[in-house]
């Protein structure tokens, strides 16, 4: 819950104050208070979230399960104990240089444009299909196919640029990332369908399992590294159909292993399109920690794989 000094003020009075010095004062006060209280309020937010999801307090002193360790990571990072590399790798623009130097630029999707002024987007020079996303957030994307609604795009991306994604779920790796807009090529399979998203769960530099997502995010089957179906999910009631083993699985796993070196846990996302593998992103706190394993024993099973000393 966010608090505001405007809380007891009626909507009519707020409207009257809109263009006065008092309104400006209150806005500045709120911004300063938010920054000053960020860590303490962020920790309280995360502890409440864990308790609400799992029905028990978070074990911060000796976390054992995957979800306990995930929230331990988020709480610890929120306290300020986070290596700079996590923020750099969460930055969808900055991470491109790291991927290029670690595994090769051929695994990057083509960057058509980037900048911090939506009005400068070169719509007339872009192809018929492309993807727009912010550098400093997750789950925000515009897919353009055909004629673009330029005014709506500018309004949407302006909102992205004006916000700090940290406040959505207190994921500290996003706090302070320089906001940029990226426009990338739109990847499709033969026939024009969107590709699957292969999410490789890596523990201590070793790929362990792969979750498959479609573009509508309504399936999430898990497989091991030899493509045996795993009978669990990370959300109750998830749809988990069998999907074919991708042709370039070994290549994806090799890339994931190389990119995940030095991390107790990280998820590496890839696309496999027309015989080529493309890097998607580093994910350090999936779903901002909103995860419930079904069956529940998988929470401990995966937690045992995560060496927290690499976070420290």
Foldseek 3Di string as FASTA:
>chain_A
DDDFPCVVPDPVVCVVCVPPPVVVVRVVVSVVVCVVCVLVVLLVLLQVVVCVQPVDGQDLPDDFFQLSVLSNLLNCVSVVLFDLVLLQQLQQVSVCVVLCVQPRNLQAFAWPDKFLQLVPPPVVPDDQWKKKDKRQAPPDIDIGHHDDPSVVVNVVLNVVQVDQRCVVQVRNSSPPDRIMMIIGHQAAAVVRAHFKKWKFKDAQLATFKIWIAGPVRQATWIAGLVGDTDPKDFDPPGHYDRDDDDPCSVVVRVSSSRVCHLARIWIWIWTQHPNGIHTDGIDSNPPSSSTAMVVRVVRSVVSNRGDCVSRD
